[in-house]
Amino acid sequence: MKTKVILAGLLACIGITAQAQDVKTEEPKGKAIVQVFGNFHTGFGAENDDRGFELDRSYFGYEYNFGNGLSAKAVMDIGKSSDVSDYQRIAYIKNAMVSWKKGGLTLNGGLISTTQFNFQEKFWGYRYIMKSFQDEYKFGSSADLGISAAYKFADWVSADAIIVNGEGYKKIQKNDGLNYGLGITLTPVKGFQIRLYGGLNESGEDNKKDIANLAAFVGYKHEKFTIGAEYNQMWNASYTDGADQNGYSIFASAKLSKIADIYARFDDLYSKNDWNINKDEAAAILGAQFKLGKYVKIAPNFRMSMPKAEGAKNGYSAYVNCYFGF
């Protein structure tokens, strides 16, 4: 009898411990989001007058996991105005979203990150140094108000869909049109990934054209190196009939040690019938990155821009980009 009582007590203790562990794994938890991008740069030749210290962007926010796959995130974006005559810092709400994950399904709602070039940006991996191609040349916005869904069918294939306002996160919705996007990601072998995306941004106005986007990306990521290439096409930029743009980006990086790696990238932007010739260009960057502890990165790099406008001179500049974040 005494043995049975002892066994019953042990089983009860084990059951209570297991329940406590389950409760512990489901405990809500949160974390602060802090990311600061800065640089010192100086130009050469035609760009000789462009030099100084610059605080590119700062992100401050908080992410909270409620358990059972439910989480929420809010992020403030403090950056520069797109108006060249405005020298003041401007703060935006970058994200104010709720996410739910269950198995292979992920749902997002609110002011969410868009899916148009988020994958390419993460694959590139040096956002604080230079934006990915579509973001750099304004083929779309990195965040917007709406909903998105993604589903992982198997280890080698996943798909996603998104519906957002289309104005981006810096503007309120002005027009009645919406921005729709569909994407598919393939991983035929470990490390090798293919991404295809198509989007339609409705103008919402009779005298303007809808914007259409098409993007294709292929990349391979190894523990020692990364290489990627993307092609992008946009029809009717700024909702203007015939204002088409296209271009490609090729990049690579290699790890030299635990704290150092090197990277290189080449972009090429075109416009149909040279309608945007004053901004069309080829651009290249070559540099290194050093990790100074867990939260700080420093990345010296050399850049060259090659404008396509007749008579325009090539630009050369040296940067030291800095990142702090956790």
C-alpha atoms as a PDB file:
ATOM      1  CA  MET A   1       0.000   0.000   0.000  1.00  0.00           C
ATOM      2  CA  LYS A   2       2.820   2.334   0.968  1.00  0.00           C
ATOM      3  CA  THR A   3       4.531   1.617  -2.394  1.00  0.00           C
ATOM      4  CA  LYS A   4       1.349   2.509  -4.305  1.00  0.00           C
ATOM      5  CA  VAL A   5       1.057   5.777  -2.427  1.00  0.00           C
ATOM      6  CA  ILE A   6       4.670   6.657  -3.227  1.00  0.00           C
ATOM      7  CA  LEU A   7       4.178   5.802  -6.927  1.00  0.00           C
ATOM      8  CA  ALA A   8       0.966   7.844  -7.046  1.00  0.00           C
ATOM      9  CA  GLY A   9       2.812  10.765  -5.463  1.00  0.00           C
ATOM     10  CA  LEU A  10       5.656  10.515  -7.980  1.00  0.00           C
ATOM     11  CA  LEU A  11       3.227  10.406 -10.913  1.00  0.00           C
ATOM     12  CA  ALA A  12       1.373  13.419  -9.536  1.00  0.00           C
ATOM     13  CA  CYS A  13       4.645  15.336  -9.196  1.00  0.00           C
ATOM     14  CA  ILE A  14       5.643  14.407 -12.748  1.00  0.00           C
ATOM     15  CA  GLY A  15       2.222  15.527 -14.036  1.00  0.00           C
ATOM     16  CA  ILE A  16       2.415  18.834 -12.185  1.00  0.00           C
ATOM     17  CA  THR A  17       5.978  19.416 -13.466  1.00  0.00           C
ATOM     18  CA  ALA A  18       4.913  18.659 -17.052  1.00  0.00           C
ATOM     19  CA  GLN A  19       1.964  21.048 -16.785  1.00  0.00           C
ATOM     20  CA  ALA A  20       4.243  23.714 -15.322  1.00  0.00           C
ATOM     21  CA  GLN A  21       6.635  23.266 -18.248  1.00  0.00           C
ATOM     22  CA  ASP A  22       3.756  23.534 -20.741  1.00  0.00           C
ATOM     23  CA  VAL A  23       2.539  26.689 -19.037  1.00  0.00           C
ATOM     24  CA  LYS A  24       6.074  28.046 -19.080  1.00  0.00           C
ATOM     25  CA  THR A  25       6.431  27.559 -22.842  1.00  0.00           C
ATOM     26  CA  GLU A  26       3.130  29.376 -23.360  1.00  0.00           C
ATOM     27  CA  GLU A  27       4.011  32.304 -21.097  1.00  0.00           C
ATOM     28  CA  PRO A  28       3.664  35.656 -22.870  1.00  0.00           C
ATOM     29  CA  LYS A  29       6.945  37.383 -23.550  1.00  0.00           C
ATOM     30  CA  GLY A  30       8.104  40.499 -25.299  1.00  0.00           C
ATOM     31  CA  LYS A  31      11.231  42.177 -26.596  1.00  0.00           C
ATOM     32  CA  ALA A  32      12.283  45.678 -27.497  1.00  0.00           C
ATOM     33  CA  ILE A  33      13.209  46.548 -31.089  1.00  0.00           C
ATOM     34  CA  VAL A  34      16.023  49.065 -31.551  1.00  0.00           C
ATOM     35  CA  GLN A  35      17.848  49.586 -34.851  1.00  0.00           C
ATOM     36  CA  VAL A  36      19.967  52.604 -35.776  1.00  0.00           C
ATOM     37  CA  PHE A  37      21.576  53.146 -39.205  1.00  0.00           C
ATOM     38  CA  GLY A  38      24.269  55.775 -39.626  1.00  0.00           C
ATOM     39  CA  ASN A  39      27.230  56.582 -41.862  1.00  0.00           C
ATOM     40  CA  PHE A  40      30.109  58.867 -42.676  1.00  0.00           C
ATOM     41  CA  HIS A  41      30.652  59.460 -46.393  1.00  0.00           C
ATOM     42  CA  THR A  42      32.738  61.511 -48.737  1.00  0.00           C
ATOM     43  CA  GLY A  43      32.522  61.923 -52.501  1.00  0.00           C
ATOM     44  CA  PHE A  44      35.258  62.138 -55.109  1.00  0.00           C
ATOM     45  CA  GLY A  45      35.452  64.037 -58.376  1.00  0.00           C
ATOM     46  CA  ALA A  46      31.979  65.242 -59.372  1.00  0.00           C
ATOM     47  CA  GLU A  47      30.714  64.229 -55.918  1.00  0.00           C
ATOM     48  CA  ASN A  48      33.528  65.977 -54.022  1.00  0.00           C
ATOM     49  CA  ASP A  49      31.217  68.409 -52.186  1.00  0.00           C
ATOM     50  CA  ASP A  50      29.048  65.598 -50.749  1.00  0.00           C
ATOM     51  CA  ARG A  51      30.541  64.615 -47.386  1.00  0.00           C
ATOM     52  CA  GLY A  52      29.569  64.400 -43.755  1.00  0.00           C
ATOM     53  CA  PHE A  53      28.030  62.297 -40.996  1.00  0.00           C
ATOM     54  CA  GLU A  54      24.485  61.061 -41.514  1.00  0.00           C
ATOM     55  CA  LEU A  55      21.854  59.338 -39.403  1.00  0.00           C
ATOM     56  CA  ASP A  56      19.971  57.428 -42.092  1.00  0.00           C
ATOM     57  CA  ARG A  57      17.211  55.813 -40.095  1.00  0.00           C
ATOM     58  CA  SER A  58      16.169  54.694 -36.619  1.00  0.00           C
ATOM     59  CA  TYR A  59      13.612  52.053 -35.675  1.00  0.00           C
ATOM     60  CA  PHE A  60      12.173  51.832 -32.159  1.00  0.00           C
ATOM     61  CA  GLY A  61       9.439  49.428 -31.191  1.00  0.00           C
ATOM     62  CA  TYR A  62       8.232  46.431 -29.227  1.00  0.00           C
ATOM     63  CA  GLU A  63       7.146  42.928 -30.141  1.00  0.00           C
ATOM     64  CA  TYR A  64       5.004  40.802 -27.809  1.00  0.00           C
ATOM     65  CA  ASN A  65       4.239  37.107 -28.050  1.00  0.00           C
ATOM     66  CA  PHE A  66       0.941  36.230 -26.366  1.00  0.00           C
ATOM     67  CA  GLY A  67       1.397  32.470 -26.863  1.00  0.00           C
ATOM     68  CA  ASN A  68      -0.560  30.017 -29.032  1.00  0.00           C
ATOM     69  CA  GLY A  69       0.932  31.585 -32.153  1.00  0.00           C
ATOM     70  CA  LEU A  70      -0.475  35.075 -31.520  1.00  0.00           C
ATOM     71  CA  SER A  71       1.850  38.085 -31.459  1.00  0.00           C
ATOM     72  CA  ALA A  72       1.776  41.850 -31.958  1.00  0.00           C
ATOM     73  CA  LYS A  73       4.407  44.341 -33.082  1.00  0.00           C
ATOM     74  CA  ALA A  74       4.625  48.137 -33.173  1.00  0.00           C
ATOM     75  CA  VAL A  75       7.593  49.983 -34.690  1.00  0.00           C
ATOM     76  CA  MET A  76       8.319  53.688 -35.106  1.00  0.00           C
ATOM     77  CA  ASP A  77      10.456  54.761 -38.085  1.00  0.00           C
ATOM     78  CA  ILE A  78      12.425  57.993 -37.723  1.00  0.00           C
ATOM     79  CA  GLY A  79      14.047  59.103 -40.952  1.00  0.00           C
ATOM     80  CA  LYS A  80      14.455  61.839 -43.531  1.00  0.00           C
ATOM     81  CA  SER A  81      11.817  63.533 -45.621  1.00  0.00           C
ATOM     82  CA  SER A  82      11.723  62.744 -49.343  1.00  0.00           C
ATOM     83  CA  ASP A  83      11.475  66.513 -49.926  1.00  0.00           C
ATOM     84  CA  VAL A  84      15.062  67.640 -50.538  1.00  0.00           C
ATOM     85  CA  SER A  85      14.252  71.108 -49.123  1.00  0.00           C
ATOM     86  CA  ASP A  86      13.094  69.602 -45.812  1.00  0.00           C
ATOM     87  CA  TYR A  87      16.027  69.016 -43.448  1.00  0.00           C
ATOM     88  CA  GLN A  88      13.978  67.952 -40.421  1.00  0.00           C
ATOM     89  CA  ARG A  89      13.601  64.432 -39.063  1.00  0.00           C
ATOM     90  CA  ILE A  90      10.188  62.876 -39.632  1.00  0.00           C
ATOM     91  CA  ALA A  91       8.670  60.052 -37.561  1.00  0.00           C
ATOM     92  CA  TYR A  92       6.328  57.457 -39.039  1.00  0.00           C
ATOM     93  CA  ILE A  93       4.575  54.390 -37.705  1.00  0.00           C
ATOM     94  CA  LYS A  94       6.296  51.620 -39.694  1.00  0.00           C
ATOM     95  CA  ASN A  95       4.440  48.647 -38.200  1.00  0.00           C
ATOM     96  CA  ALA A  96       1.345  48.288 -36.032  1.00  0.00           C
ATOM     97  CA  MET A  97       0.338  44.696 -36.654  1.00  0.00           C
ATOM     98  CA  VAL A  98      -1.028  41.461 -35.250  1.00  0.00           C
ATOM     99  CA  SER A  99       0.240  38.046 -36.432  1.00  0.00           C
ATOM    100  CA  TRP A 100      -1.029  34.520 -35.934  1.00  0.00           C
ATOM    101  CA  LYS A 101       0.913  31.351 -36.787  1.00  0.00           C
ATOM    102  CA  LYS A 102      -0.483  27.850 -36.780  1.00  0.00           C
ATOM    103  CA  GLY A 103       1.367  24.999 -38.462  1.00  0.00           C
ATOM    104  CA  GLY A 104       2.341  26.164 -41.940  1.00  0.00           C
ATOM    105  CA  LEU A 105      -0.115  29.103 -41.933  1.00  0.00           C
ATOM    106  CA  THR A 106       0.810  32.700 -41.067  1.00  0.00           C
ATOM    107  CA  LEU A 107      -1.719  35.569 -41.017  1.00  0.00           C
ATOM    108  CA  ASN A 108      -0.843  39.269 -40.596  1.00  0.00           C
ATOM    109  CA  GLY A 109      -3.100  42.284 -40.227  1.00  0.00           C
ATOM    110  CA  GLY A 110      -2.672  46.017 -39.634  1.00  0.00           C
ATOM    111  CA  LEU A 111       0.219  48.173 -40.777  1.00  0.00           C
ATOM    112  CA  ILE A 112       2.258  45.218 -42.023  1.00  0.00           C
ATOM    113  CA  SER A 113       5.502  44.568 -43.883  1.00  0.00           C
ATOM    114  CA  THR A 114       4.780  44.030 -47.565  1.00  0.00           C
ATOM    115  CA  THR A 115       5.902  40.942 -49.464  1.00  0.00           C
ATOM    116  CA  GLN A 116       7.010  42.608 -52.716  1.00  0.00           C
ATOM    117  CA  PHE A 117      10.723  42.666 -51.878  1.00  0.00           C
ATOM    118  CA  ASN A 118      10.964  41.577 -48.236  1.00  0.00           C
ATOM    119  CA  PHE A 119      12.457  38.217 -49.238  1.00  0.00           C
ATOM    120  CA  GLN A 120      15.139  39.803 -51.434  1.00  0.00           C
ATOM    121  CA  GLU A 121      16.008  42.314 -48.723  1.00  0.00           C
ATOM    122  CA  LYS A 122      16.619  39.572 -46.148  1.00  0.00           C
ATOM    123  CA  PHE A 123      18.637  37.529 -48.649  1.00  0.00           C
ATOM    124  CA  TRP A 124      20.806  40.564 -49.485  1.00  0.00           C
ATOM    125  CA  GLY A 125      21.357  40.994 -45.742  1.00  0.00           C
ATOM    126  CA  TYR A 126      22.884  44.495 -45.702  1.00  0.00           C
ATOM    127  CA  ARG A 127      19.831  46.747 -45.464  1.00  0.00           C
ATOM    128  CA  TYR A 128      21.621  49.276 -43.232  1.00  0.00           C
ATOM    129  CA  ILE A 129      24.266  49.744 -45.948  1.00  0.00           C
ATOM    130  CA  MET A 130      21.992  49.882 -49.002  1.00  0.00           C
ATOM    131  CA  LYS A 131      18.337  49.112 -49.676  1.00  0.00           C
ATOM    132  CA  SER A 132      17.453  46.208 -51.946  1.00  0.00           C
ATOM    133  CA  PHE A 133      16.850  47.098 -55.621  1.00  0.00           C
ATOM    134  CA  GLN A 134      13.065  47.650 -55.551  1.00  0.00           C
ATOM    135  CA  ASP A 135      13.231  49.705 -52.380  1.00  0.00           C
ATOM    136  CA  GLU A 136      16.197  51.744 -53.609  1.00  0.00           C
ATOM    137  CA  TYR A 137      14.467  52.682 -56.884  1.00  0.00           C
ATOM    138  CA  LYS A 138      10.939  52.990 -55.447  1.00  0.00           C
ATOM    139  CA  PHE A 139       9.228  50.072 -57.173  1.00  0.00           C
ATOM    140  CA  GLY A 140       7.047  49.696 -54.074  1.00  0.00           C
ATOM    141  CA  SER A 141       6.727  50.333 -50.354  1.00  0.00           C
ATOM    142  CA  SER A 142       8.209  48.168 -47.579  1.00  0.00           C
ATOM    143  CA  ALA A 143       5.070  48.470 -45.392  1.00  0.00           C
ATOM    144  CA  ASP A 144       1.394  49.274 -45.859  1.00  0.00           C
ATOM    145  CA  LEU A 145      -2.007  48.951 -44.208  1.00  0.00           C
ATOM    146  CA  GLY A 146      -3.828  45.700 -44.978  1.00  0.00           C
ATOM    147  CA  ILE A 147      -3.681  41.936 -44.554  1.00  0.00           C
ATOM    148  CA  SER A 148      -1.424  39.122 -45.743  1.00  0.00           C
ATOM    149  CA  ALA A 149      -1.365  35.341 -45.584  1.00  0.00           C
ATOM    150  CA  ALA A 150       1.375  32.799 -46.199  1.00  0.00           C
ATOM    151  CA  TYR A 151       1.298  29.016 -46.236  1.00  0.00           C
ATOM    152  CA  LYS A 152       4.148  26.528 -46.279  1.00  0.00           C
ATOM    153  CA  PHE A 153       2.914  23.502 -48.234  1.00  0.00           C
ATOM    154  CA  ALA A 154       6.177  21.590 -47.880  1.00  0.00           C
ATOM    155  CA  ASP A 155       9.841  22.243 -47.131  1.00  0.00           C
ATOM    156  CA  TRP A 156      10.415  23.109 -50.790  1.00  0.00           C
ATOM    157  CA  VAL A 157       7.376  25.294 -51.594  1.00  0.00           C
ATOM    158  CA  SER A 158       5.418  28.122 -49.955  1.00  0.00           C
ATOM    159  CA  ALA A 159       3.018  30.770 -51.239  1.00  0.00           C
ATOM    160  CA  ASP A 160       1.780  34.132 -50.002  1.00  0.00           C
ATOM    161  CA  ALA A 161      -0.902  36.695 -50.807  1.00  0.00           C
ATOM    162  CA  ILE A 162      -1.335  40.303 -49.713  1.00  0.00           C
ATOM    163  CA  ILE A 163      -3.961  43.057 -50.016  1.00  0.00           C
ATOM    164  CA  VAL A 164      -2.987  46.570 -48.864  1.00  0.00           C
ATOM    165  CA  ASN A 165      -4.008  50.163 -49.544  1.00  0.00           C
ATOM    166  CA  GLY A 166      -1.183  50.872 -51.987  1.00  0.00           C
ATOM    167  CA  GLU A 167      -0.072  54.244 -50.608  1.00  0.00           C
ATOM    168  CA  GLY A 168       2.623  52.854 -48.322  1.00  0.00           C
ATOM    169  CA  TYR A 169       3.114  53.528 -44.619  1.00  0.00           C
ATOM    170  CA  LYS A 170       4.007  57.227 -44.907  1.00  0.00           C
ATOM    171  CA  LYS A 171       0.660  58.323 -46.355  1.00  0.00           C
ATOM    172  CA  ILE A 172      -2.988  57.866 -45.480  1.00  0.00           C
ATOM    173  CA  GLN A 173      -5.216  56.220 -48.093  1.00  0.00           C
ATOM    174  CA  LYS A 174      -6.105  58.852 -50.680  1.00  0.00           C
ATOM    175  CA  ASN A 175      -7.554  56.752 -53.499  1.00  0.00           C
ATOM    176  CA  ASP A 176     -10.096  53.916 -53.543  1.00  0.00           C
ATOM    177  CA  GLY A 177      -7.731  51.477 -55.277  1.00  0.00           C
ATOM    178  CA  LEU A 178      -6.024  48.571 -53.523  1.00  0.00           C
ATOM    179  CA  ASN A 179      -2.688  46.842 -54.042  1.00  0.00           C
ATOM    180  CA  TYR A 180      -2.811  43.061 -54.584  1.00  0.00           C
ATOM    181  CA  GLY A 181       0.159  40.716 -54.610  1.00  0.00           C
ATOM    182  CA  LEU A 182       0.852  37.008 -55.045  1.00  0.00           C
ATOM    183  CA  GLY A 183       4.161  35.279 -54.465  1.00  0.00           C
ATOM    184  CA  ILE A 184       5.662  31.809 -54.494  1.00  0.00           C
ATOM    185  CA  THR A 185       8.969  30.650 -53.009  1.00  0.00           C
ATOM    186  CA  LEU A 186      10.688  27.449 -54.089  1.00  0.00           C
ATOM    187  CA  THR A 187      13.591  25.655 -52.394  1.00  0.00           C
ATOM    188  CA  PRO A 188      14.456  22.758 -54.741  1.00  0.00           C
ATOM    189  CA  VAL A 189      17.652  21.960 -52.799  1.00  0.00           C
ATOM    190  CA  LYS A 190      19.012  23.174 -49.472  1.00  0.00           C
ATOM    191  CA  GLY A 191      20.282  26.738 -49.712  1.00  0.00           C
ATOM    192  CA  PHE A 192      19.010  27.328 -53.264  1.00  0.00           C
ATOM    193  CA  GLN A 193      15.856  29.472 -53.466  1.00  0.00           C
ATOM    194  CA  ILE A 194      13.646  30.886 -56.206  1.00  0.00           C
ATOM    195  CA  ARG A 195      11.136  33.668 -55.620  1.00  0.00           C
ATOM    196  CA  LEU A 196       8.439  34.869 -58.057  1.00  0.00           C
ATOM    197  CA  TYR A 197       6.088  37.762 -57.336  1.00  0.00           C
ATOM    198  CA  GLY A 198       3.370  39.622 -59.225  1.00  0.00           C
ATOM    199  CA  GLY A 199       1.407  42.648 -58.054  1.00  0.00           C
ATOM    200  CA  LEU A 200      -1.305  45.052 -59.209  1.00  0.00           C
ATOM    201  CA  ASN A 201      -1.734  48.474 -57.589  1.00  0.00           C
ATOM    202  CA  GLU A 202      -5.046  50.036 -58.628  1.00  0.00           C
ATOM    203  CA  SER A 203      -4.997  53.763 -59.324  1.00  0.00           C
ATOM    204  CA  GLY A 204      -8.556  54.383 -58.136  1.00  0.00           C
ATOM    205  CA  GLU A 205      -8.852  57.261 -60.622  1.00  0.00           C
ATOM    206  CA  ASP A 206     -10.288  57.216 -64.150  1.00  0.00           C
ATOM    207  CA  ASN A 207      -7.527  59.303 -65.704  1.00  0.00           C
ATOM    208  CA  LYS A 208      -4.677  57.203 -64.312  1.00  0.00           C
ATOM    209  CA  LYS A 209      -3.332  53.725 -65.028  1.00  0.00           C
ATOM    210  CA  ASP A 210      -2.893  50.829 -62.629  1.00  0.00           C
ATOM    211  CA  ILE A 211       0.682  49.987 -61.637  1.00  0.00           C
ATOM    212  CA  ALA A 212       1.797  46.408 -62.305  1.00  0.00           C
ATOM    213  CA  ASN A 213       4.891  44.759 -60.848  1.00  0.00           C
ATOM    214  CA  LEU A 214       6.721  41.565 -61.713  1.00  0.00           C
ATOM    215  CA  ALA A 215       9.777  40.278 -59.842  1.00  0.00           C
ATOM    216  CA  ALA A 216      11.944  37.173 -60.189  1.00  0.00           C
ATOM    217  CA  PHE A 217      14.758  36.238 -57.829  1.00  0.00           C
ATOM    218  CA  VAL A 218      17.184  33.344 -57.576  1.00  0.00           C
ATOM    219  CA  GLY A 219      19.820  32.873 -54.910  1.00  0.00           C
ATOM    220  CA  TYR A 220      22.058  30.412 -53.133  1.00  0.00           C
ATOM    221  CA  LYS A 221      23.072  30.737 -49.486  1.00  0.00           C
ATOM    222  CA  HIS A 222      25.937  28.688 -48.046  1.00  0.00           C
ATOM    223  CA  GLU A 223      27.496  28.976 -44.612  1.00  0.00           C
ATOM    224  CA  LYS A 224      30.589  30.491 -46.272  1.00  0.00           C
ATOM    225  CA  PHE A 225      29.059  32.615 -49.043  1.00  0.00           C
ATOM    226  CA  THR A 226      25.854  34.021 -50.559  1.00  0.00           C
ATOM    227  CA  ILE A 227      25.005  34.883 -54.162  1.00  0.00           C
ATOM    228  CA  GLY A 228      21.767  36.280 -55.614  1.00  0.00           C
ATOM    229  CA  ALA A 229      20.255  37.873 -58.701  1.00  0.00           C
ATOM    230  CA  GLU A 230      16.907  39.553 -59.318  1.00  0.00           C
ATOM    231  CA  TYR A 231      15.043  41.033 -62.272  1.00  0.00           C
ATOM    232  CA  ASN A 232      12.243  43.563 -61.762  1.00  0.00           C
ATOM    233  CA  GLN A 233       9.686  45.120 -64.113  1.00  0.00           C
ATOM    234  CA  MET A 234       7.218  47.902 -63.306  1.00  0.00           C
ATOM    235  CA  TRP A 235       4.539  49.191 -65.671  1.00  0.00           C
ATOM    236  CA  ASN A 236       2.940  52.656 -65.358  1.00  0.00           C
ATOM    237  CA  ALA A 237       5.090  54.064 -62.542  1.00  0.00           C
ATOM    238  CA  SER A 238       3.299  56.762 -60.512  1.00  0.00           C
ATOM    239  CA  TYR A 239       0.072  55.610 -62.255  1.00  0.00           C
ATOM    240  CA  THR A 240       1.290  57.194 -65.508  1.00  0.00           C
ATOM    241  CA  ASP A 241       0.541  55.454 -68.810  1.00  0.00           C
ATOM    242  CA  GLY A 242       3.711  54.167 -70.495  1.00  0.00           C
ATOM    243  CA  ALA A 243       6.035  55.066 -67.616  1.00  0.00           C
ATOM    244  CA  ASP A 244       7.604  51.622 -67.527  1.00  0.00           C
ATOM    245  CA  GLN A 245      10.817  50.704 -65.718  1.00  0.00           C
ATOM    246  CA  ASN A 246      12.923  47.591 -65.426  1.00  0.00           C
ATOM    247  CA  GLY A 247      16.242  46.555 -64.017  1.00  0.00           C
ATOM    248  CA  TYR A 248      18.312  43.909 -62.348  1.00  0.00           C
ATOM    249  CA  SER A 249      20.573  43.467 -59.363  1.00  0.00           C
ATOM    250  CA  ILE A 250      23.389  40.956 -58.796  1.00  0.00           C
ATOM    251  CA  PHE A 251      25.124  40.564 -55.452  1.00  0.00           C
ATOM    252  CA  ALA A 252      27.465  38.272 -53.553  1.00  0.00           C
ATOM    253  CA  SER A 253      29.081  38.051 -50.127  1.00  0.00           C
ATOM    254  CA  ALA A 254      31.618  35.796 -48.435  1.00  0.00           C
ATOM    255  CA  LYS A 255      32.535  35.163 -44.808  1.00  0.00           C
ATOM    256  CA  LEU A 256      36.204  35.697 -43.995  1.00  0.00           C
ATOM    257  CA  SER A 257      35.887  34.926 -40.283  1.00  0.00           C
ATOM    258  CA  LYS A 258      33.361  35.019 -37.457  1.00  0.00           C
ATOM    259  CA  ILE A 259      33.531  38.805 -37.355  1.00  0.00           C
ATOM    260  CA  ALA A 260      34.353  39.797 -40.933  1.00  0.00           C
ATOM    261  CA  ASP A 261      32.866  39.351 -44.403  1.00  0.00           C
ATOM    262  CA  ILE A 262      33.042  41.038 -47.794  1.00  0.00           C
ATOM    263  CA  TYR A 263      30.226  41.930 -50.220  1.00  0.00           C
ATOM    264  CA  ALA A 264      29.697  43.309 -53.712  1.00  0.00           C
ATOM    265  CA  ARG A 265      26.647  44.350 -55.725  1.00  0.00           C
ATOM    266  CA  PHE A 266      25.786  45.733 -59.156  1.00  0.00           C
ATOM    267  CA  ASP A 267      22.440  47.366 -60.094  1.00  0.00           C
ATOM    268  CA  ASP A 268      21.189  48.491 -63.496  1.00  0.00           C
ATOM    269  CA  LEU A 269      17.998  50.578 -63.939  1.00  0.00           C
ATOM    270  CA  TYR A 270      16.277  51.396 -67.256  1.00  0.00           C
ATOM    271  CA  SER A 271      13.155  53.295 -68.295  1.00  0.00           C
ATOM    272  CA  LYS A 272      11.051  52.785 -71.410  1.00  0.00           C
ATOM    273  CA  ASN A 273      11.970  55.295 -74.134  1.00  0.00           C
ATOM    274  CA  ASP A 274      14.265  57.002 -71.590  1.00  0.00           C
ATOM    275  CA  TRP A 275      11.350  58.794 -69.908  1.00  0.00           C
ATOM    276  CA  ASN A 276      13.282  58.676 -66.609  1.00  0.00           C
ATOM    277  CA  ILE A 277      16.742  59.142 -68.106  1.00  0.00           C
ATOM    278  CA  ASN A 278      17.812  61.668 -65.460  1.00  0.00           C
ATOM    279  CA  LYS A 279      17.461  58.972 -62.788  1.00  0.00           C
ATOM    280  CA  ASP A 280      18.378  55.890 -64.818  1.00  0.00           C
ATOM    281  CA  GLU A 281      21.739  54.535 -63.767  1.00  0.00           C
ATOM    282  CA  ALA A 282      24.033  51.624 -63.152  1.00  0.00           C
ATOM    283  CA  ALA A 283      25.502  51.430 -59.660  1.00  0.00           C
ATOM    284  CA  ALA A 284      28.122  49.284 -57.936  1.00  0.00           C
ATOM    285  CA  ILE A 285      29.244  48.787 -54.350  1.00  0.00           C
ATOM    286  CA  LEU A 286      32.187  46.877 -52.872  1.00  0.00           C
ATOM    287  CA  GLY A 287      32.993  46.646 -49.190  1.00  0.00           C
ATOM    288  CA  ALA A 288      33.535  44.731 -45.971  1.00  0.00           C
ATOM    289  CA  GLN A 289      31.622  44.279 -42.732  1.00  0.00           C
ATOM    290  CA  PHE A 290      33.020  43.880 -39.211  1.00  0.00           C
ATOM    291  CA  LYS A 291      30.959  42.778 -36.217  1.00  0.00           C
ATOM    292  CA  LEU A 292      32.052  44.567 -33.045  1.00  0.00           C
ATOM    293  CA  GLY A 293      30.339  42.423 -30.468  1.00  0.00           C
ATOM    294  CA  LYS A 294      26.707  41.333 -30.558  1.00  0.00           C
ATOM    295  CA  TYR A 295      24.980  44.614 -31.341  1.00  0.00           C
ATOM    296  CA  VAL A 296      27.336  46.725 -33.475  1.00  0.00           C
ATOM    297  CA  LYS A 297      28.431  46.415 -37.099  1.00  0.00           C
ATOM    298  CA  ILE A 298      30.754  48.668 -39.116  1.00  0.00           C
ATOM    299  CA  ALA A 299      30.929  48.446 -42.914  1.00  0.00           C
ATOM    300  CA  PRO A 300      33.450  50.479 -44.958  1.00  0.00           C
ATOM    301  CA  ASN A 301      32.599  50.458 -48.665  1.00  0.00           C
ATOM    302  CA  PHE A 302      33.321  52.122 -51.982  1.00  0.00           C
ATOM    303  CA  ARG A 303      30.508  53.083 -54.388  1.00  0.00           C
ATOM    304  CA  MET A 304      30.266  54.090 -58.027  1.00  0.00           C
ATOM    305  CA  SER A 305      27.217  55.462 -59.850  1.00  0.00           C
ATOM    306  CA  MET A 306      27.055  55.633 -63.644  1.00  0.00           C
ATOM    307  CA  PRO A 307      24.200  57.905 -64.807  1.00  0.00           C
ATOM    308  CA  LYS A 308      22.743  57.208 -68.244  1.00  0.00           C
ATOM    309  CA  ALA A 309      21.848  60.810 -69.035  1.00  0.00           C
ATOM    310  CA  GLU A 310      23.953  62.243 -71.845  1.00  0.00           C
ATOM    311  CA  GLY A 311      26.879  64.246 -70.512  1.00  0.00           C
ATOM    312  CA  ALA A 312      26.411  63.107 -66.906  1.00  0.00           C
ATOM    313  CA  LYS A 313      29.603  62.166 -65.083  1.00  0.00           C
ATOM    314  CA  ASN A 314      30.181  59.076 -63.028  1.00  0.00           C
ATOM    315  CA  GLY A 315      30.070  59.534 -59.273  1.00  0.00           C
ATOM    316  CA  TYR A 316      32.476  57.977 -56.775  1.00  0.00           C
ATOM    317  CA  SER A 317      32.161  57.904 -53.002  1.00  0.00           C
ATOM    318  CA  ALA A 318      33.495  56.166 -49.905  1.00  0.00           C
ATOM    319  CA  TYR A 319      31.235  55.242 -46.986  1.00  0.00           C
ATOM    320  CA  VAL A 320      31.598  53.873 -43.498  1.00  0.00           C
ATOM    321  CA  ASN A 321      28.170  52.556 -42.518  1.00  0.00           C
ATOM    322  CA  CYS A 322      27.347  51.747 -38.907  1.00  0.00           C
ATOM    323  CA  TYR A 323      24.609  49.646 -37.340  1.00  0.00           C
ATOM    324  CA  PHE A 324      23.424  49.292 -33.773  1.00  0.00           C
ATOM    325  CA  GLY A 325      20.496  47.048 -32.981  1.00  0.00           C
ATOM    326  CA  PHE A 326      18.881  44.289 -30.973  1.00  0.00           C
END
